[in-house]
Amino acid sequence: MRLETERLLLRPLSLDDLDHFAAFYADPEVTRYLGAGRTLNRDESEQSLRRMLRSYEVDGFGQLAVERREDGELIGRSGFLVWDAETLTPTTEAEATGPTELEIGYALGREFWGQGYATEAATAVRNHALRSMRRSRLIAFIRPGNLASARVAEKLGMRNEPAR
């Protein structure tokens, strides 16, 4: 799956992206609201990237690399994360034993924040889910205090729902 916007190219991830992701995940500001809320070393970044690659392989969709079209710079990731709807644990649709939720996830390197890239990438992902994947419901888990991510979700037309 490849998606294009005015300024961005969203393409499948590869292990060649590891250097970029290791740099992103080593930044405490980037990881503050991701996963365990802590930085990742290179090995942990590789494990994370391999999980994203695997989910794409088994489901045919997942997280995508986000590149600037003007210069090919890898600026982050955006795409889909599958969650078990009952336990709220990550899974894949192929391996899920019950209902799932499909999340739009996004993370950019800090130097790319505040330029509308997250909204642009997430909008392309949302549109693909609604039109091509025929999804009617998408979610975004946003940690308290992550106002920038909440603004992106609002721009996507998402609304806050209380936790179940």
N, C-alpha and C. Protein backbone atom coordinates (compact mmCIF):
# COMPACT_ATOMS: atom_id res chain seq x y z
N MET A 1 0.85 -1.17 0.00
CA MET A 1 0.00 0.00 0.00
C MET A 1 0.90 1.24 0.00
N ARG A 2 0.62 2.12 -0.89
CA ARG A 2 1.31 3.41 -0.98
C ARG A 2 0.24 4.48 -1.05
N LEU A 3 0.42 5.52 -0.27
CA LEU A 3 -0.51 6.65 -0.29
C LEU A 3 0.30 7.90 -0.55
N GLU A 4 -0.30 8.84 -1.26
CA GLU A 4 0.37 10.10 -1.53
C GLU A 4 -0.54 11.25 -1.16
N THR A 5 0.07 12.29 -0.63
CA THR A 5 -0.62 13.54 -0.36
C THR A 5 0.14 14.65 -1.08
N GLU A 6 -0.29 15.85 -0.88
CA GLU A 6 0.39 16.98 -1.53
C GLU A 6 1.88 17.01 -1.19
N ARG A 7 2.20 16.76 0.09
CA ARG A 7 3.60 16.89 0.53
C ARG A 7 4.26 15.58 0.93
N LEU A 8 3.47 14.50 1.05
CA LEU A 8 4.00 13.28 1.64
C LEU A 8 3.80 12.05 0.78
N LEU A 9 4.69 11.08 0.97
CA LEU A 9 4.55 9.74 0.42
C LEU A 9 4.53 8.79 1.62
N LEU A 10 3.50 7.97 1.69
CA LEU A 10 3.41 6.94 2.73
C LEU A 10 3.63 5.61 2.03
N ARG A 11 4.64 4.89 2.47
CA ARG A 11 5.05 3.66 1.81
C ARG A 11 5.30 2.58 2.85
N PRO A 12 5.32 1.31 2.42
CA PRO A 12 5.62 0.24 3.38
C PRO A 12 6.97 0.46 4.06
N LEU A 13 7.02 0.11 5.30
CA LEU A 13 8.27 0.17 6.06
C LEU A 13 9.24 -0.90 5.58
N SER A 14 10.51 -0.71 5.90
CA SER A 14 11.52 -1.74 5.64
C SER A 14 12.57 -1.67 6.73
N LEU A 15 13.36 -2.72 6.84
CA LEU A 15 14.44 -2.71 7.83
C LEU A 15 15.46 -1.62 7.52
N ASP A 16 15.50 -1.15 6.29
CA ASP A 16 16.39 -0.04 5.93
C ASP A 16 16.01 1.25 6.66
N ASP A 17 14.81 1.30 7.23
CA ASP A 17 14.35 2.49 7.96
C ASP A 17 14.83 2.50 9.41
N LEU A 18 15.52 1.47 9.83
CA LEU A 18 15.89 1.34 11.24
C LEU A 18 16.68 2.52 11.78
N ASP A 19 17.65 3.03 11.06
CA ASP A 19 18.44 4.15 11.57
C ASP A 19 17.56 5.34 11.93
N HIS A 20 16.61 5.65 11.05
CA HIS A 20 15.70 6.77 11.31
C HIS A 20 14.83 6.49 12.54
N PHE A 21 14.26 5.28 12.61
CA PHE A 21 13.39 4.97 13.72
C PHE A 21 14.15 4.91 15.04
N ALA A 22 15.37 4.40 15.01
CA ALA A 22 16.18 4.37 16.23
C ALA A 22 16.44 5.79 16.72
N ALA A 23 16.67 6.72 15.80
CA ALA A 23 16.87 8.12 16.20
C ALA A 23 15.59 8.71 16.78
N PHE A 24 14.44 8.46 16.14
CA PHE A 24 13.17 8.97 16.66
C PHE A 24 12.91 8.42 18.06
N TYR A 25 13.07 7.12 18.21
CA TYR A 25 12.73 6.45 19.47
C TYR A 25 13.75 6.70 20.58
N ALA A 26 14.88 7.29 20.24
CA ALA A 26 15.86 7.66 21.26
C ALA A 26 15.56 9.04 21.86
N ASP A 27 14.60 9.74 21.29
CA ASP A 27 14.23 11.09 21.73
C ASP A 27 13.11 10.99 22.76
N PRO A 28 13.36 11.41 24.02
CA PRO A 28 12.33 11.29 25.05
C PRO A 28 11.07 12.10 24.77
N GLU A 29 11.17 13.17 24.01
CA GLU A 29 9.98 13.94 23.67
C GLU A 29 9.10 13.16 22.69
N VAL A 30 9.71 12.46 21.76
CA VAL A 30 8.95 11.67 20.79
C VAL A 30 8.26 10.50 21.47
N THR A 31 8.96 9.84 22.39
CA THR A 31 8.43 8.61 23.00
C THR A 31 7.60 8.86 24.25
N ARG A 32 7.51 10.08 24.68
CA ARG A 32 6.78 10.38 25.92
C ARG A 32 5.37 9.82 25.92
N TYR A 33 4.69 9.85 24.78
CA TYR A 33 3.30 9.39 24.70
C TYR A 33 3.14 8.09 23.91
N LEU A 34 4.24 7.45 23.58
CA LEU A 34 4.21 6.20 22.81
C LEU A 34 4.51 5.01 23.71
N GLY A 35 3.85 3.90 23.46
CA GLY A 35 4.18 2.64 24.14
C GLY A 35 4.30 2.80 25.64
N ALA A 36 5.45 2.44 26.16
CA ALA A 36 5.70 2.51 27.60
C ALA A 36 6.07 3.92 28.04
N GLY A 37 6.14 4.87 27.11
CA GLY A 37 6.44 6.25 27.47
C GLY A 37 7.90 6.49 27.77
N ARG A 38 8.77 5.65 27.22
CA ARG A 38 10.21 5.81 27.46
C ARG A 38 10.96 5.64 26.14
N THR A 39 12.20 6.08 26.13
CA THR A 39 13.01 5.92 24.93
C THR A 39 13.33 4.45 24.70
N LEU A 40 13.68 4.14 23.47
CA LEU A 40 14.07 2.78 23.11
C LEU A 40 15.51 2.79 22.62
N ASN A 41 16.25 1.75 22.97
CA ASN A 41 17.59 1.62 22.40
C ASN A 41 17.47 1.05 20.99
N ARG A 42 18.59 0.88 20.31
CA ARG A 42 18.56 0.42 18.92
C ARG A 42 17.93 -0.96 18.79
N ASP A 43 18.26 -1.88 19.69
CA ASP A 43 17.68 -3.23 19.62
C ASP A 43 16.16 -3.19 19.82
N GLU A 44 15.70 -2.39 20.78
CA GLU A 44 14.26 -2.26 21.01
C GLU A 44 13.57 -1.61 19.81
N SER A 45 14.24 -0.63 19.20
CA SER A 45 13.69 0.01 18.01
C SER A 45 13.57 -1.00 16.87
N GLU A 46 14.56 -1.87 16.75
CA GLU A 46 14.50 -2.90 15.71
C GLU A 46 13.36 -3.88 15.99
N GLN A 47 13.19 -4.26 17.25
CA GLN A 47 12.07 -5.15 17.60
C GLN A 47 10.73 -4.50 17.26
N SER A 48 10.60 -3.22 17.56
CA SER A 48 9.37 -2.49 17.25
C SER A 48 9.13 -2.46 15.75
N LEU A 49 10.17 -2.15 14.99
CA LEU A 49 10.05 -2.11 13.54
C LEU A 49 9.68 -3.49 12.98
N ARG A 50 10.29 -4.53 13.52
CA ARG A 50 9.97 -5.89 13.05
C ARG A 50 8.51 -6.25 13.36
N ARG A 51 7.98 -5.81 14.52
CA ARG A 51 6.56 -6.05 14.83
C ARG A 51 5.67 -5.35 13.81
N MET A 52 6.04 -4.12 13.45
CA MET A 52 5.26 -3.38 12.46
C MET A 52 5.31 -4.08 11.10
N LEU A 53 6.48 -4.56 10.72
CA LEU A 53 6.62 -5.27 9.46
C LEU A 53 5.79 -6.56 9.46
N ARG A 54 5.81 -7.27 10.57
CA ARG A 54 5.06 -8.52 10.68
C ARG A 54 3.56 -8.27 10.57
N SER A 55 3.06 -7.24 11.24
CA SER A 55 1.62 -6.98 11.16
C SER A 55 1.22 -6.65 9.73
N TYR A 56 2.08 -5.96 9.01
CA TYR A 56 1.79 -5.66 7.61
C TYR A 56 1.77 -6.95 6.79
N GLU A 57 2.70 -7.84 7.08
CA GLU A 57 2.76 -9.11 6.35
C GLU A 57 1.53 -9.97 6.59
N VAL A 58 1.06 -10.08 7.83
CA VAL A 58 -0.05 -10.99 8.11
C VAL A 58 -1.42 -10.39 7.80
N ASP A 59 -1.56 -9.07 7.92
CA ASP A 59 -2.86 -8.44 7.68
C ASP A 59 -2.95 -7.72 6.33
N GLY A 60 -1.81 -7.42 5.73
CA GLY A 60 -1.83 -6.68 4.47
C GLY A 60 -1.93 -5.18 4.66
N PHE A 61 -1.86 -4.74 5.90
CA PHE A 61 -1.85 -3.31 6.23
C PHE A 61 -1.16 -3.14 7.56
N GLY A 62 -0.83 -1.91 7.89
CA GLY A 62 -0.15 -1.63 9.15
C GLY A 62 0.40 -0.22 9.12
N GLN A 63 1.51 -0.03 9.80
CA GLN A 63 2.16 1.27 9.81
C GLN A 63 2.93 1.47 8.51
N LEU A 64 2.99 2.71 8.06
CA LEU A 64 3.70 3.08 6.85
C LEU A 64 4.76 4.11 7.18
N ALA A 65 5.85 4.08 6.44
CA ALA A 65 6.86 5.13 6.55
C ALA A 65 6.29 6.40 5.94
N VAL A 66 6.56 7.53 6.57
CA VAL A 66 6.11 8.82 6.05
C VAL A 66 7.34 9.58 5.58
N GLU A 67 7.37 9.86 4.27
CA GLU A 67 8.47 10.60 3.67
C GLU A 67 7.97 11.92 3.11
N ARG A 68 8.82 12.94 3.19
CA ARG A 68 8.51 14.19 2.50
C ARG A 68 8.77 13.99 1.02
N ARG A 69 7.84 14.38 0.20
CA ARG A 69 8.00 14.21 -1.24
C ARG A 69 9.10 15.09 -1.81
N GLU A 70 9.28 16.28 -1.23
CA GLU A 70 10.24 17.23 -1.80
C GLU A 70 11.67 16.73 -1.76
N ASP A 71 12.01 15.94 -0.71
CA ASP A 71 13.41 15.52 -0.57
C ASP A 71 13.58 14.05 -0.17
N GLY A 72 12.47 13.31 -0.02
CA GLY A 72 12.57 11.90 0.35
C GLY A 72 12.95 11.64 1.79
N GLU A 73 12.98 12.67 2.61
CA GLU A 73 13.35 12.54 4.03
C GLU A 73 12.30 11.72 4.77
N LEU A 74 12.74 10.69 5.49
CA LEU A 74 11.83 9.91 6.33
C LEU A 74 11.56 10.72 7.59
N ILE A 75 10.30 11.07 7.82
CA ILE A 75 9.98 11.95 8.94
C ILE A 75 9.20 11.24 10.05
N GLY A 76 8.74 10.00 9.81
CA GLY A 76 8.01 9.28 10.85
C GLY A 76 7.22 8.13 10.28
N ARG A 77 6.13 7.81 10.98
CA ARG A 77 5.27 6.70 10.55
C ARG A 77 3.82 7.07 10.80
N SER A 78 2.95 6.45 10.04
CA SER A 78 1.51 6.59 10.24
C SER A 78 0.86 5.38 9.60
N GLY A 79 -0.24 4.97 10.16
CA GLY A 79 -0.94 3.82 9.61
C GLY A 79 -1.84 3.19 10.65
N PHE A 80 -1.97 1.88 10.56
CA PHE A 80 -2.94 1.16 11.36
C PHE A 80 -2.30 0.27 12.41
N LEU A 81 -2.96 0.21 13.56
CA LEU A 81 -2.61 -0.71 14.64
C LEU A 81 -3.89 -1.43 15.01
N VAL A 82 -3.79 -2.75 15.17
CA VAL A 82 -4.96 -3.56 15.50
C VAL A 82 -4.92 -3.90 16.99
N TRP A 83 -6.06 -3.73 17.66
CA TRP A 83 -6.17 -3.99 19.09
C TRP A 83 -7.29 -5.00 19.34
N ASP A 84 -7.05 -5.90 20.28
CA ASP A 84 -8.11 -6.78 20.76
C ASP A 84 -9.12 -5.90 21.49
N ALA A 85 -10.36 -5.92 21.06
CA ALA A 85 -11.37 -5.01 21.60
C ALA A 85 -11.72 -5.30 23.04
N GLU A 86 -11.53 -6.51 23.50
CA GLU A 86 -11.88 -6.86 24.87
C GLU A 86 -10.75 -6.62 25.86
N THR A 87 -9.51 -6.94 25.45
CA THR A 87 -8.38 -6.82 26.38
C THR A 87 -7.55 -5.56 26.13
N LEU A 88 -7.82 -4.88 25.01
CA LEU A 88 -7.06 -3.71 24.59
C LEU A 88 -5.56 -4.00 24.55
N THR A 89 -5.23 -5.15 23.99
CA THR A 89 -3.83 -5.51 23.76
C THR A 89 -3.59 -5.54 22.25
N PRO A 90 -2.36 -5.24 21.83
CA PRO A 90 -2.09 -5.26 20.40
C PRO A 90 -2.19 -6.67 19.83
N THR A 91 -2.65 -6.76 18.61
CA THR A 91 -2.79 -8.04 17.93
C THR A 91 -2.73 -7.79 16.43
N THR A 92 -3.07 -8.78 15.67
CA THR A 92 -3.28 -8.62 14.23
C THR A 92 -4.68 -9.15 13.95
N GLU A 93 -5.27 -8.71 12.88
CA GLU A 93 -6.60 -9.24 12.55
C GLU A 93 -6.52 -10.73 12.24
N ALA A 94 -5.42 -11.16 11.62
CA ALA A 94 -5.27 -12.57 11.27
C ALA A 94 -5.19 -13.46 12.51
N GLU A 95 -4.65 -12.93 13.60
CA GLU A 95 -4.44 -13.73 14.80
C GLU A 95 -5.47 -13.48 15.90
N ALA A 96 -6.33 -12.51 15.71
CA ALA A 96 -7.31 -12.17 16.74
C ALA A 96 -8.32 -13.30 16.89
N THR A 97 -8.73 -13.53 18.12
CA THR A 97 -9.72 -14.57 18.40
C THR A 97 -11.10 -13.98 18.67
N GLY A 98 -11.19 -12.68 18.69
CA GLY A 98 -12.47 -12.01 18.94
C GLY A 98 -12.50 -10.69 18.19
N PRO A 99 -13.40 -9.80 18.60
CA PRO A 99 -13.52 -8.51 17.91
C PRO A 99 -12.26 -7.66 18.08
N THR A 100 -12.01 -6.83 17.09
CA THR A 100 -10.84 -5.95 17.12
C THR A 100 -11.27 -4.51 16.89
N GLU A 101 -10.38 -3.62 17.24
CA GLU A 101 -10.51 -2.20 16.92
C GLU A 101 -9.32 -1.82 16.05
N LEU A 102 -9.54 -0.92 15.09
CA LEU A 102 -8.48 -0.47 14.21
C LEU A 102 -8.13 0.96 14.56
N GLU A 103 -6.88 1.15 14.97
CA GLU A 103 -6.41 2.47 15.38
C GLU A 103 -5.61 3.12 14.27
N ILE A 104 -5.81 4.42 14.11
CA ILE A 104 -4.90 5.22 13.29
C ILE A 104 -3.81 5.70 14.23
N GLY A 105 -2.58 5.30 13.94
CA GLY A 105 -1.45 5.72 14.75
C GLY A 105 -0.50 6.58 13.94
N TYR A 106 0.21 7.46 14.62
CA TYR A 106 1.15 8.33 13.94
C TYR A 106 2.21 8.78 14.93
N ALA A 107 3.43 8.90 14.44
CA ALA A 107 4.55 9.40 15.24
C ALA A 107 5.55 10.01 14.28
N LEU A 108 5.99 11.21 14.59
CA LEU A 108 6.96 11.91 13.76
C LEU A 108 8.16 12.30 14.59
N GLY A 109 9.31 12.42 13.94
CA GLY A 109 10.49 12.97 14.59
C GLY A 109 10.19 14.40 15.04
N ARG A 110 10.76 14.79 16.18
CA ARG A 110 10.44 16.09 16.77
C ARG A 110 10.65 17.27 15.82
N GLU A 111 11.68 17.20 14.99
CA GLU A 111 11.97 18.33 14.11
C GLU A 111 10.89 18.53 13.03
N PHE A 112 9.96 17.57 12.94
CA PHE A 112 8.89 17.66 11.94
C PHE A 112 7.54 18.01 12.56
N TRP A 113 7.52 18.28 13.84
CA TRP A 113 6.28 18.63 14.53
C TRP A 113 5.84 20.04 14.13
N GLY A 114 4.54 20.31 14.27
CA GLY A 114 4.01 21.65 14.09
C GLY A 114 3.94 22.13 12.65
N GLN A 115 4.08 21.21 11.70
CA GLN A 115 4.05 21.60 10.29
C GLN A 115 2.87 20.98 9.54
N GLY A 116 1.97 20.34 10.28
CA GLY A 116 0.79 19.74 9.66
C GLY A 116 1.01 18.38 9.05
N TYR A 117 2.21 17.83 9.19
CA TYR A 117 2.51 16.53 8.58
C TYR A 117 1.69 15.39 9.20
N ALA A 118 1.55 15.38 10.53
CA ALA A 118 0.80 14.30 11.18
C ALA A 118 -0.65 14.29 10.71
N THR A 119 -1.26 15.45 10.64
CA THR A 119 -2.65 15.54 10.17
C THR A 119 -2.75 15.11 8.71
N GLU A 120 -1.82 15.53 7.90
CA GLU A 120 -1.83 15.19 6.48
C GLU A 120 -1.69 13.67 6.28
N ALA A 121 -0.75 13.07 6.99
CA ALA A 121 -0.54 11.62 6.87
C ALA A 121 -1.74 10.85 7.42
N ALA A 122 -2.21 11.23 8.61
CA ALA A 122 -3.32 10.52 9.24
C ALA A 122 -4.61 10.67 8.42
N THR A 123 -4.80 11.80 7.77
CA THR A 123 -5.97 11.99 6.91
C THR A 123 -5.92 11.03 5.73
N ALA A 124 -4.75 10.87 5.13
CA ALA A 124 -4.61 9.92 4.01
C ALA A 124 -4.90 8.50 4.47
N VAL A 125 -4.43 8.15 5.66
CA VAL A 125 -4.67 6.82 6.22
C VAL A 125 -6.16 6.63 6.50
N ARG A 126 -6.78 7.62 7.13
CA ARG A 126 -8.23 7.54 7.40
C ARG A 126 -9.02 7.37 6.12
N ASN A 127 -8.71 8.18 5.12
CA ASN A 127 -9.44 8.10 3.86
C ASN A 127 -9.28 6.74 3.21
N HIS A 128 -8.09 6.19 3.28
CA HIS A 128 -7.87 4.85 2.72
C HIS A 128 -8.71 3.81 3.46
N ALA A 129 -8.76 3.91 4.78
CA ALA A 129 -9.54 2.96 5.58
C ALA A 129 -11.02 3.04 5.24
N LEU A 130 -11.53 4.24 5.12
CA LEU A 130 -12.96 4.41 4.86
C LEU A 130 -13.34 4.04 3.44
N ARG A 131 -12.51 4.40 2.48
CA ARG A 131 -12.86 4.18 1.08
C ARG A 131 -12.43 2.81 0.56
N SER A 132 -11.16 2.49 0.71
CA SER A 132 -10.63 1.26 0.11
C SER A 132 -10.81 0.04 1.00
N MET A 133 -10.70 0.23 2.31
CA MET A 133 -10.83 -0.90 3.23
C MET A 133 -12.26 -1.05 3.74
N ARG A 134 -13.10 -0.08 3.41
CA ARG A 134 -14.52 -0.07 3.79
C ARG A 134 -14.73 -0.22 5.30
N ARG A 135 -13.92 0.49 6.05
CA ARG A 135 -14.07 0.51 7.50
C ARG A 135 -15.04 1.61 7.89
N SER A 136 -15.84 1.36 8.90
CA SER A 136 -16.78 2.38 9.35
C SER A 136 -16.38 2.96 10.70
N ARG A 137 -15.45 2.32 11.38
CA ARG A 137 -15.02 2.80 12.70
C ARG A 137 -13.51 2.73 12.80
N LEU A 138 -12.92 3.82 13.26
CA LEU A 138 -11.49 3.91 13.52
C LEU A 138 -11.32 4.56 14.88
N ILE A 139 -10.26 4.19 15.58
CA ILE A 139 -10.00 4.77 16.88
C ILE A 139 -8.60 5.38 16.92
N ALA A 140 -8.35 6.15 17.95
CA ALA A 140 -7.01 6.68 18.24
C ALA A 140 -6.87 6.71 19.76
N PHE A 141 -5.94 5.93 20.28
CA PHE A 141 -5.64 5.99 21.71
C PHE A 141 -4.74 7.19 21.93
N ILE A 142 -5.18 8.10 22.79
CA ILE A 142 -4.39 9.30 23.06
C ILE A 142 -4.22 9.43 24.57
N ARG A 143 -3.00 9.49 24.98
CA ARG A 143 -2.72 9.60 26.41
C ARG A 143 -3.06 10.99 26.91
N PRO A 144 -3.51 11.07 28.17
CA PRO A 144 -3.78 12.38 28.75
C PRO A 144 -2.56 13.29 28.63
N GLY A 145 -2.82 14.52 28.25
CA GLY A 145 -1.74 15.50 28.12
C GLY A 145 -1.17 15.61 26.72
N ASN A 146 -1.48 14.67 25.85
CA ASN A 146 -0.95 14.71 24.49
C ASN A 146 -1.87 15.57 23.62
N LEU A 147 -1.78 16.86 23.82
CA LEU A 147 -2.69 17.80 23.17
C LEU A 147 -2.50 17.85 21.65
N ALA A 148 -1.27 17.71 21.19
CA ALA A 148 -1.03 17.75 19.74
C ALA A 148 -1.70 16.57 19.06
N SER A 149 -1.59 15.39 19.64
CA SER A 149 -2.22 14.21 19.06
C SER A 149 -3.74 14.32 19.13
N ALA A 150 -4.25 14.89 20.19
CA ALA A 150 -5.70 15.09 20.32
C ALA A 150 -6.20 16.04 19.24
N ARG A 151 -5.42 17.07 18.92
CA ARG A 151 -5.81 18.01 17.85
C ARG A 151 -5.84 17.30 16.49
N VAL A 152 -4.87 16.42 16.25
CA VAL A 152 -4.87 15.67 14.99
C VAL A 152 -6.14 14.83 14.91
N ALA A 153 -6.47 14.12 15.98
CA ALA A 153 -7.67 13.28 15.99
C ALA A 153 -8.93 14.12 15.75
N GLU A 154 -9.01 15.29 16.37
CA GLU A 154 -10.15 16.18 16.14
C GLU A 154 -10.27 16.58 14.68
N LYS A 155 -9.13 16.91 14.06
CA LYS A 155 -9.13 17.29 12.65
C LYS A 155 -9.57 16.14 11.76
N LEU A 156 -9.38 14.91 12.23
CA LEU A 156 -9.82 13.73 11.48
C LEU A 156 -11.31 13.46 11.66
N GLY A 157 -11.95 14.24 12.53
CA GLY A 157 -13.37 14.05 12.80
C GLY A 157 -13.65 13.06 13.91
N MET A 158 -12.63 12.69 14.66
CA MET A 158 -12.82 11.75 15.77
C MET A 158 -13.35 12.50 16.98
N ARG A 159 -14.02 11.77 17.84
CA ARG A 159 -14.54 12.37 19.07
C ARG A 159 -14.10 11.52 20.26
N ASN A 160 -14.01 12.17 21.39
CA ASN A 160 -13.57 11.48 22.61
C ASN A 160 -14.67 10.57 23.12
N GLU A 161 -14.30 9.34 23.42
CA GLU A 161 -15.22 8.38 24.04
C GLU A 161 -14.64 7.96 25.37
N PRO A 162 -15.47 7.85 26.39
CA PRO A 162 -14.94 7.39 27.67
C PRO A 162 -14.44 5.95 27.53
N ALA A 163 -13.40 5.63 28.31
CA ALA A 163 -12.86 4.26 28.30
C ALA A 163 -13.93 3.30 28.77
N ARG A 164 -13.89 2.09 28.20
CA ARG A 164 -14.88 1.08 28.59
C ARG A 164 -14.44 0.34 29.82
